[in-house]
Structures are given as structure tokens and as C-alpha cells.
Amino acid sequence: MLLIKEIGTDALFALQRVLEGEELERARAFYRHCADGDLAVCVAQTDVKGDRGKGPSAQADPDLYLRIVDQNADGIVVRGAKVHTSVSMNANEMIVLPTRTMGPDDAEYAVSFAVPLDTEGLGLYVSSYAAGERNAFEFPVSSRYKMVETLTVFDDVFVPWDRVFMCRDHEKAGPLALTFVEYHRFTAVSYKLPLLDALVGAAGEIAQMNGIMKASHVREKLTWLITYAETVRALTEMAALRCRTGAHGIAYPDPMTTNMAKYTFASRYHEALEHVQDLAGGLLVTGPGGEDWENPEIRAVLEKYFRAASPADVRLRMLHLISDLTARDLGGYHAVLAVHAEGSIEAEKLQIFRSYDPTAAMAYARRLAGIG
């Protein structure tokens, strides 16, 4: 299943780069537990946050960020909620991470741990996105593949000490959150590449089927789509080639190039959808559905009137693929993910600026200008 292990792996690497001492040994032991058992691991990071203008400890309701409410010799008790927890229903284990930088007043919220999905007090409230059965003619992708997201509620969940990775260490909350994102954005932009290939391929196919391939504006749009997809791919590969070695000998992708890849993908995604939809035409939303196609009497009419440079059968199937990817709920899902998933576009821009060391470029400019 898509992402059933990748997100958890991102968190496991981040924990082992940031933590020290006993907490590091707990994280390493949990890593071995997951590897030896070939376990699926999800990650709950994003708190519900409440009033975004206030920090965790300043919220009117203290449970709007996950927090420690009790502890004893055996472990800690946590309460609160996380959102956007992907593939949680399909996982064996859940890693919880802090979502942001925190100050001394937020110490109760600086917590990281792991729990099995059947832990008492852990509640998963599943998003209604893509609910129900779909026919494969109209929904060639979303009838087979779905991503499950949950509101994840911790109702006084007990966590034993051997599974607690961070407890009130507010100074490490920010670094842990950011280190996870370094891995997770690389994972994200890597799994987006097949989606971009599908958009390029579908755009080319529908242009051929509609008989418009020779038009100059069509070739211009296809060239834009190819350039977009291959730029994201090149940046993603470069982020891997520029990888670095961090604490405890753990490698990580180059942060600046990773964020450039993710920013390029996210900031241009909606323009890519516009080009694909433009080449496809209005049948994306007005074309016939699967039940009509399965009716022999109606199909004869559809085959007659929806033929273009290719038979109606293949043309309608390609149109439904494009509609599934760009115009229906799967398309809307990915359009929102492009803006918000793995951090916002603004966060990616900020990390590009933070990651770039201008020293050499500025010194070069001074030499060219004859300064100093």
C-alpha cells in the first residue's frame, strides 16, 4: 500500500538524528522492533492547533495540542488530538511527533512516543473522502486506490517509558519536527513523480485522440508539462545525490534541493491541471458514466457520437482517467495536498532561504565588483 512504511521511516530516521542518550536508545530499539517485524508505521504530527495566532500553552482549550497530563514510574499519560494522520487505519504502529518549535511554557506539549494502533484510549475518526464503491470505467484510479486520513484522538492514553522518545524537552521539539520534514518532503516529492508522469502521458494521449496534436498551442502546453515534470524529477534526484551525513552517521537528503523540488511541484501543480484539462475538453464533467456505458442500447449511441481521432471506447476511458486525476474528488484531494501536505508552500520557501549559504556567491560578487 502507498506510504504504509515510508512516512514511518521518515520519523524513525529523524528520531535517531535528533535524540541523545536514553531517548536515542529507545528510538533505536523501536526501529529494530519495526524492522524485525516488517511493521507498517504511520506518523501523527500535525496538531489541531485551534487559534493559529496562539501557541500551545496559550490556547483557550489546552487539548488543542497534544500534551502530557500525568506521569508515574511506568510511563506518561497524554491527551489531545492530531489531524491528517495518513494510513493510520492500515498501520501496526503510530509514531507521534511535535508539530512546531516550542518555548519553556509549552513543555507539556513537547512530547514524542510510539503506540500500537489498538492502544486503549486511541481513537481514529476517518475522513469521508472517497467513501463508497466506484465503477472502474468512471474512476479508473480511485476505484482501486484510496488514502485513508484520520483525526487521531488521544483520550488519556498511557505510554510506557520504553516507548517515550521526548518528554518535556521543549528545546528539541522544533529540531525534531524540522528533521522529520527534511525526510518527509523528499518522500513526498518522490511519490509525486508518477502522478506527474500520468498527467504528461494522459495529456499527450488525449491530444492525439482529440486530433489536435499538430496545433502549436497544444505542443506548447505539452512542452510546459514535460518541463515541469522533468524539473521536479531532476531536483528530486539532485537532492539524493547531494545527500549529507548527519548525527550518528544517518544520511539525509539535501534540505535546500529537497525544498526546491517540493516548492516547484506545489507552486505549479494547479497550472499543470489547467493545461491537462484544457487539452481534454468539457467532456471531463459532461461525459457519460459507467452505467450508461454498460447498457448495450445506450453504448451504441455513445460509440457513434463520441468517436474522434480514436474510437469512443478508448477516448472516453482516457477522459475518465483525466477526470479522476484532475476534476473529481481524487483530483481535488491531490490539488489540496499540493498546497498543504508536508508543509505549506510558504514553509518550503522559508526553508530554501534558510538552507542556502550565500557566503560564496556574495564573495564572488564582491570580487567581480572589485571590492576588497
Protein backbone atom coordinates (compact mmCIF):
# COMPACT_ATOMS: atom_id res chain seq x y z
CA MET A 1 0.00 0.00 0.00
CA LEU A 2 1.20 3.51 -0.85
CA LEU A 3 3.11 5.15 2.03
CA ILE A 4 2.34 2.39 4.53
CA LYS A 5 6.01 2.34 5.60
CA GLU A 6 7.65 5.38 4.08
CA ILE A 7 6.22 8.00 6.45
CA GLY A 8 7.12 5.93 9.49
CA THR A 9 10.64 5.50 8.17
CA ASP A 10 10.97 9.28 7.83
CA ALA A 11 10.13 9.62 11.52
CA LEU A 12 12.44 6.79 12.61
CA PHE A 13 15.40 8.42 10.87
CA ALA A 14 14.57 11.84 12.33
CA LEU A 15 14.35 10.49 15.87
CA GLN A 16 17.76 8.87 15.58
CA ARG A 17 19.38 12.07 14.31
CA VAL A 18 17.95 14.41 16.96
CA LEU A 19 17.82 12.36 20.15
CA GLU A 20 20.66 11.58 22.56
CA GLY A 21 21.29 9.27 25.49
CA GLU A 22 18.50 7.05 26.79
CA GLU A 23 15.90 8.55 24.44
CA LEU A 24 18.11 7.68 21.46
CA GLU A 25 18.45 4.09 22.66
CA ARG A 26 14.66 3.83 22.95
CA ALA A 27 14.27 5.10 19.39
CA ARG A 28 16.87 2.64 18.12
CA ALA A 29 15.14 -0.22 19.93
CA PHE A 30 11.81 0.77 18.38
CA TYR A 31 13.47 0.97 14.95
CA ARG A 32 14.72 -2.61 15.39
CA HIS A 33 11.25 -3.68 16.55
CA CYS A 34 9.68 -2.28 13.37
CA ALA A 35 12.39 -3.63 11.06
CA ASP A 36 12.41 -7.12 12.57
CA GLY A 37 8.62 -7.35 12.45
CA ASP A 38 8.32 -5.76 8.98
CA LEU A 39 5.74 -3.42 10.51
CA ALA A 40 3.70 -0.67 8.89
CA VAL A 41 4.20 2.61 10.76
CA CYS A 42 2.15 5.81 10.48
CA VAL A 43 3.00 9.24 11.89
CA ALA A 44 0.78 11.66 13.81
CA GLN A 45 2.44 15.07 13.78
CA THR A 46 0.04 17.91 12.96
CA ASP A 47 -1.93 19.10 16.00
CA VAL A 48 -5.43 20.51 15.52
CA LYS A 49 -3.89 23.85 16.71
CA GLY A 50 -7.07 25.82 17.44
CA ASP A 51 -6.32 29.56 17.19
CA ARG A 52 -3.31 29.68 14.86
CA GLY A 53 -2.28 33.04 16.30
CA LYS A 54 -1.54 31.43 19.69
CA GLY A 55 0.98 28.85 20.83
CA PRO A 56 0.14 25.53 22.50
CA SER A 57 0.06 26.78 26.10
CA ALA A 58 -1.94 29.93 25.17
CA GLN A 59 -4.96 28.12 23.70
CA ALA A 60 -8.35 28.50 25.41
CA ASP A 61 -8.67 24.70 25.36
CA PRO A 62 -5.40 23.09 26.48
CA ASP A 63 -6.14 19.91 24.50
CA LEU A 64 -5.82 21.57 21.07
CA TYR A 65 -2.19 20.47 21.07
CA LEU A 66 -1.29 17.00 22.31
CA ARG A 67 0.08 17.24 25.85
CA ILE A 68 1.30 15.27 28.84
CA VAL A 69 -1.33 15.23 31.59
CA ASP A 70 0.26 12.76 34.00
CA GLN A 71 3.30 10.56 34.57
CA ASN A 72 4.50 7.94 37.00
CA ALA A 73 7.23 5.36 37.34
CA ASP A 74 5.74 3.31 34.48
CA GLY A 75 5.20 5.99 31.84
CA ILE A 76 3.23 9.06 30.78
CA VAL A 77 -0.42 9.83 30.01
CA VAL A 78 -1.25 12.05 27.01
CA ARG A 79 -4.37 13.88 25.88
CA GLY A 80 -5.23 15.84 22.73
CA ALA A 81 -5.61 15.30 19.01
CA LYS A 82 -3.68 15.21 15.76
CA VAL A 83 -5.05 15.65 12.22
CA HIS A 84 -4.08 14.47 8.71
CA THR A 85 -2.82 11.13 10.01
CA SER A 86 -2.31 9.20 6.77
CA VAL A 87 -2.79 5.40 6.51
CA SER A 88 -3.38 5.16 10.26
CA MET A 89 -6.11 2.54 9.92
CA ASN A 90 -3.74 0.31 7.95
CA ALA A 91 -0.72 0.57 10.25
CA ASN A 92 0.64 -1.60 13.07
CA GLU A 93 2.32 1.24 14.98
CA MET A 94 1.98 5.00 15.28
CA ILE A 95 4.81 7.44 15.97
CA VAL A 96 3.82 10.79 17.47
CA LEU A 97 5.99 13.84 16.85
CA PRO A 98 5.78 17.51 17.89
CA THR A 99 4.48 19.81 15.17
CA ARG A 100 6.43 23.02 15.83
CA THR A 101 9.07 24.93 17.75
CA MET A 102 8.10 25.38 21.41
CA GLY A 103 9.14 27.58 24.32
CA PRO A 104 9.51 26.88 28.04
CA ASP A 105 5.78 27.49 28.63
CA ASP A 106 4.99 24.72 26.16
CA ALA A 107 7.00 21.98 27.88
CA GLU A 108 3.94 19.78 28.49
CA TYR A 109 3.41 19.73 24.73
CA ALA A 110 6.98 18.73 23.84
CA VAL A 111 6.32 15.01 23.57
CA SER A 112 7.15 12.19 21.19
CA PHE A 113 6.35 8.48 21.53
CA ALA A 114 5.08 5.37 19.76
CA VAL A 115 1.97 3.27 20.42
CA PRO A 116 0.30 0.29 18.74
CA LEU A 117 -2.91 1.16 16.91
CA ASP A 118 -5.02 -0.92 19.29
CA THR A 119 -3.93 1.10 22.34
CA GLU A 120 -6.74 1.88 24.79
CA GLY A 121 -7.95 5.47 24.50
CA LEU A 122 -6.66 5.96 20.94
CA GLY A 123 -9.50 6.96 18.60
CA LEU A 124 -9.39 7.24 14.80
CA TYR A 125 -12.05 9.38 13.10
CA VAL A 126 -11.84 8.62 9.39
CA SER A 127 -12.24 11.30 6.73
CA SER A 128 -15.23 10.77 4.42
CA TYR A 129 -13.10 11.45 1.34
CA ALA A 130 -13.53 8.77 -1.36
CA ALA A 131 -16.07 6.78 0.64
CA GLY A 132 -18.15 4.16 -1.12
CA GLU A 133 -17.65 1.93 -4.14
CA ARG A 134 -16.86 3.28 -7.60
CA ASN A 135 -17.06 1.72 -11.03
CA ALA A 136 -13.77 1.27 -12.84
CA PHE A 137 -15.00 2.92 -16.08
CA GLU A 138 -15.60 6.32 -14.47
CA PHE A 139 -12.99 6.05 -11.72
CA PRO A 140 -10.06 4.03 -13.10
CA VAL A 141 -7.68 5.10 -10.31
CA SER A 142 -9.83 5.96 -7.29
CA SER A 143 -11.90 2.77 -7.63
CA ARG A 144 -8.72 0.83 -6.80
CA TYR A 145 -6.64 3.13 -4.60
CA LYS A 146 -7.60 5.24 -1.61
CA MET A 147 -5.64 7.13 1.02
CA VAL A 148 -7.17 7.00 4.49
CA GLU A 149 -6.76 10.07 6.71
CA THR A 150 -7.91 10.44 10.30
CA LEU A 151 -8.48 12.82 13.14
CA THR A 152 -6.46 10.96 15.77
CA VAL A 153 -7.66 11.50 19.33
CA PHE A 154 -5.67 10.57 22.44
CA ASP A 155 -8.12 10.24 25.33
CA ASP A 156 -5.75 9.86 28.29
CA VAL A 157 -3.56 7.33 26.50
CA PHE A 158 -0.90 5.64 28.62
CA VAL A 159 2.58 5.29 27.06
CA PRO A 160 5.24 3.18 28.82
CA TRP A 161 8.67 4.76 29.24
CA ASP A 162 10.38 2.43 26.78
CA ARG A 163 8.23 3.97 24.03
CA VAL A 164 8.67 7.61 25.09
CA PHE A 165 11.22 9.44 22.92
CA MET A 166 10.73 13.01 24.16
CA CYS A 167 9.23 14.19 27.42
CA ARG A 168 9.02 17.95 28.08
CA ASP A 169 12.24 18.68 26.17
CA HIS A 170 10.92 21.85 24.51
CA GLU A 171 14.31 22.76 23.05
CA LYS A 172 14.30 19.64 20.86
CA ALA A 173 10.66 19.92 19.74
CA GLY A 174 11.48 22.24 16.84
CA PRO A 175 14.56 20.37 15.61
CA LEU A 176 12.69 17.05 15.70
CA ALA A 177 9.73 18.47 13.79
CA LEU A 178 12.01 20.03 11.17
CA THR A 179 14.24 16.97 10.80
CA PHE A 180 11.20 14.79 10.12
CA VAL A 181 10.09 17.27 7.47
CA GLU A 182 13.51 17.07 5.76
CA TYR A 183 12.88 13.39 5.11
CA HIS A 184 9.14 13.63 4.59
CA ARG A 185 9.28 16.28 1.87
CA PHE A 186 11.78 14.13 -0.02
CA THR A 187 9.44 11.13 0.34
CA ALA A 188 6.53 13.29 -0.78
CA VAL A 189 8.10 14.72 -3.90
CA SER A 190 9.37 11.24 -4.81
CA TYR A 191 5.91 9.70 -4.75
CA LYS A 192 4.51 12.66 -6.70
CA LEU A 193 6.65 11.82 -9.74
CA PRO A 194 4.35 9.01 -11.02
CA LEU A 195 1.42 11.43 -10.71
CA LEU A 196 3.22 13.98 -12.88
CA ASP A 197 4.11 11.24 -15.40
CA ALA A 198 0.43 10.29 -15.52
CA LEU A 199 -0.57 13.89 -16.23
CA VAL A 200 2.02 14.23 -19.02
CA GLY A 201 1.05 10.88 -20.55
CA ALA A 202 -2.70 11.49 -20.33
CA ALA A 203 -2.32 14.97 -21.83
CA GLY A 204 -0.41 13.56 -24.80
CA GLU A 205 -2.87 10.72 -25.28
CA ILE A 206 -5.98 12.88 -25.20
CA ALA A 207 -4.41 15.39 -27.59
CA GLN A 208 -3.86 12.53 -30.05
CA MET A 209 -7.36 11.15 -29.51
CA ASN A 210 -8.96 14.55 -29.97
CA GLY A 211 -6.97 15.09 -33.17
CA ILE A 212 -5.31 18.32 -32.04
CA MET A 213 -1.68 17.25 -31.68
CA LYS A 214 -0.47 19.36 -34.62
CA ALA A 215 -1.74 22.64 -33.16
CA SER A 216 1.12 24.84 -31.94
CA HIS A 217 -0.58 25.79 -28.67
CA VAL A 218 -1.11 22.11 -27.90
CA ARG A 219 2.58 21.35 -28.34
CA GLU A 220 3.39 24.38 -26.21
CA LYS A 221 1.22 23.05 -23.36
CA LEU A 222 2.73 19.58 -23.66
CA THR A 223 6.23 21.07 -23.61
CA TRP A 224 5.33 23.00 -20.44
CA LEU A 225 4.06 19.81 -18.79
CA ILE A 226 7.19 17.86 -19.77
CA THR A 227 9.45 20.64 -18.47
CA TYR A 228 7.52 20.80 -15.20
CA ALA A 229 7.62 17.05 -14.58
CA GLU A 230 11.27 16.67 -15.52
CA THR A 231 12.33 19.69 -13.45
CA VAL A 232 10.72 18.17 -10.36
CA ARG A 233 12.37 14.83 -11.16
CA ALA A 234 15.81 16.42 -11.67
CA LEU A 235 15.60 18.35 -8.40
CA THR A 236 14.47 15.24 -6.53
CA GLU A 237 17.35 13.20 -7.91
CA MET A 238 19.78 16.02 -7.13
CA ALA A 239 18.53 16.14 -3.53
CA ALA A 240 19.51 12.48 -3.23
CA LEU A 241 22.86 12.94 -4.96
CA ARG A 242 23.66 15.85 -2.63
CA CYS A 243 22.79 13.82 0.46
CA ARG A 244 24.66 14.51 3.68
CA THR A 245 25.57 12.54 6.75
CA GLY A 246 24.09 13.81 9.99
CA ALA A 247 24.26 12.86 13.65
CA HIS A 248 25.02 9.23 14.46
CA GLY A 249 26.02 8.56 10.83
CA ILE A 250 22.50 8.78 9.41
CA ALA A 251 22.23 10.17 5.88
CA TYR A 252 19.60 12.68 4.80
CA PRO A 253 18.69 14.38 1.50
CA ASP A 254 19.97 17.89 0.87
CA PRO A 255 17.40 20.19 2.52
CA MET A 256 17.67 23.09 0.07
CA THR A 257 17.28 20.95 -3.05
CA THR A 258 14.53 18.89 -1.43
CA ASN A 259 12.55 22.04 -0.68
CA MET A 260 13.21 23.39 -4.18
CA ALA A 261 11.76 20.17 -5.61
CA LYS A 262 8.70 20.30 -3.37
CA TYR A 263 8.18 24.03 -3.97
CA THR A 264 8.42 23.57 -7.73
CA PHE A 265 5.89 20.75 -7.60
CA ALA A 266 3.45 22.56 -5.33
CA SER A 267 3.59 26.05 -6.82
CA ARG A 268 3.00 24.86 -10.40
CA TYR A 269 0.63 21.96 -9.83
CA HIS A 270 -2.62 23.84 -10.43
CA GLU A 271 -1.24 25.29 -13.66
CA ALA A 272 -0.44 21.74 -14.76
CA LEU A 273 -4.04 20.70 -14.08
CA GLU A 274 -5.26 23.66 -16.16
CA HIS A 275 -3.17 22.58 -19.15
CA VAL A 276 -4.33 18.95 -18.97
CA GLN A 277 -7.98 19.95 -18.63
CA ASP A 278 -7.65 22.41 -21.50
CA LEU A 279 -6.36 19.67 -23.80
CA ALA A 280 -9.06 17.23 -22.69
CA GLY A 281 -12.16 19.41 -23.08
CA GLY A 282 -15.50 19.72 -21.32
CA LEU A 283 -16.36 16.03 -21.52
CA LEU A 284 -14.35 15.68 -18.32
CA VAL A 285 -17.51 16.71 -16.47
CA THR A 286 -20.30 16.21 -19.02
CA GLY A 287 -19.37 12.81 -20.44
CA PRO A 288 -21.33 9.56 -19.90
CA GLY A 289 -20.91 7.36 -16.85
CA GLY A 290 -20.27 3.70 -16.29
CA GLU A 291 -23.90 2.59 -16.05
CA ASP A 292 -24.70 4.11 -19.45
CA TRP A 293 -21.63 2.51 -20.98
CA GLU A 294 -22.68 -0.91 -19.68
CA ASN A 295 -26.12 -0.58 -21.34
CA PRO A 296 -25.80 -2.07 -24.87
CA GLU A 297 -28.52 0.15 -26.36
CA ILE A 298 -27.03 3.36 -24.95
CA ARG A 299 -23.47 2.31 -25.72
CA ALA A 300 -24.27 2.15 -29.43
CA VAL A 301 -25.24 5.84 -29.30
CA LEU A 302 -22.17 6.77 -27.28
CA GLU A 303 -19.86 4.90 -29.64
CA LYS A 304 -21.32 6.79 -32.60
CA TYR A 305 -21.20 10.31 -31.18
CA PHE A 306 -18.10 10.25 -29.01
CA ARG A 307 -15.74 8.94 -31.65
CA ALA A 308 -12.99 11.40 -32.64
CA ALA A 309 -9.50 10.61 -33.96
CA SER A 310 -9.84 7.38 -31.96
CA PRO A 311 -12.77 5.10 -31.10
CA ALA A 312 -15.17 6.28 -28.40
CA ASP A 313 -14.17 3.43 -26.08
CA VAL A 314 -10.53 4.42 -25.62
CA ARG A 315 -11.27 8.15 -25.79
CA LEU A 316 -13.87 8.02 -23.03
CA ARG A 317 -11.64 5.86 -20.87
CA MET A 318 -8.81 8.37 -21.20
CA LEU A 319 -11.18 11.24 -20.44
CA HIS A 320 -12.34 9.45 -17.29
CA LEU A 321 -8.74 8.91 -16.22
CA ILE A 322 -8.07 12.64 -16.58
CA SER A 323 -11.29 13.48 -14.78
CA ASP A 324 -10.39 11.10 -11.95
CA LEU A 325 -6.95 12.72 -11.61
CA THR A 326 -7.99 16.36 -12.01
CA ALA A 327 -11.73 17.03 -11.67
CA ARG A 328 -13.31 14.58 -9.21
CA ASP A 329 -12.66 14.01 -5.53
CA LEU A 330 -9.30 12.30 -6.09
CA GLY A 331 -8.23 15.26 -8.20
CA GLY A 332 -9.43 17.69 -5.55
CA TYR A 333 -7.63 15.70 -2.88
CA HIS A 334 -4.31 15.94 -4.70
CA ALA A 335 -4.87 19.62 -5.50
CA VAL A 336 -5.22 20.37 -1.78
CA LEU A 337 -2.25 18.13 -0.92
CA ALA A 338 -0.11 20.11 -3.37
CA VAL A 339 -0.72 23.26 -1.33
CA HIS A 340 -0.74 21.90 2.21
CA ALA A 341 0.76 18.40 2.53
CA GLU A 342 4.25 18.01 4.04
CA GLY A 343 4.23 21.70 4.89
CA SER A 344 2.89 24.74 3.11
CA ILE A 345 4.38 26.47 0.09
CA GLU A 346 5.46 29.32 2.37
CA ALA A 347 7.26 26.85 4.64
CA GLU A 348 9.13 25.43 1.65
CA LYS A 349 10.19 28.92 0.54
CA LEU A 350 11.39 29.67 4.05
CA GLN A 351 13.48 26.51 4.18
CA ILE A 352 15.04 27.24 0.79
CA PHE A 353 16.14 30.64 2.09
CA ARG A 354 17.38 29.17 5.39
CA SER A 355 19.27 26.34 3.72
CA TYR A 356 21.16 28.40 1.18
CA ASP A 357 24.56 29.67 2.26
CA PRO A 358 25.12 32.94 0.34
CA THR A 359 28.71 33.42 1.53
CA ALA A 360 30.47 32.14 -1.59
CA ALA A 361 28.09 33.88 -4.01
CA MET A 362 28.37 37.20 -2.19
CA ALA A 363 32.18 36.95 -2.05
CA TYR A 364 32.21 36.18 -5.78
CA ALA A 365 30.06 39.25 -6.49
CA ARG A 366 32.42 41.42 -4.40
CA ARG A 367 35.43 40.14 -6.37
CA LEU A 368 33.71 40.87 -9.68
CA ALA A 369 32.88 44.37 -8.46
CA GLY A 370 36.47 44.94 -7.35
CA ILE A 371 35.51 45.35 -3.69
CA GLY A 372 38.06 44.31 -1.09
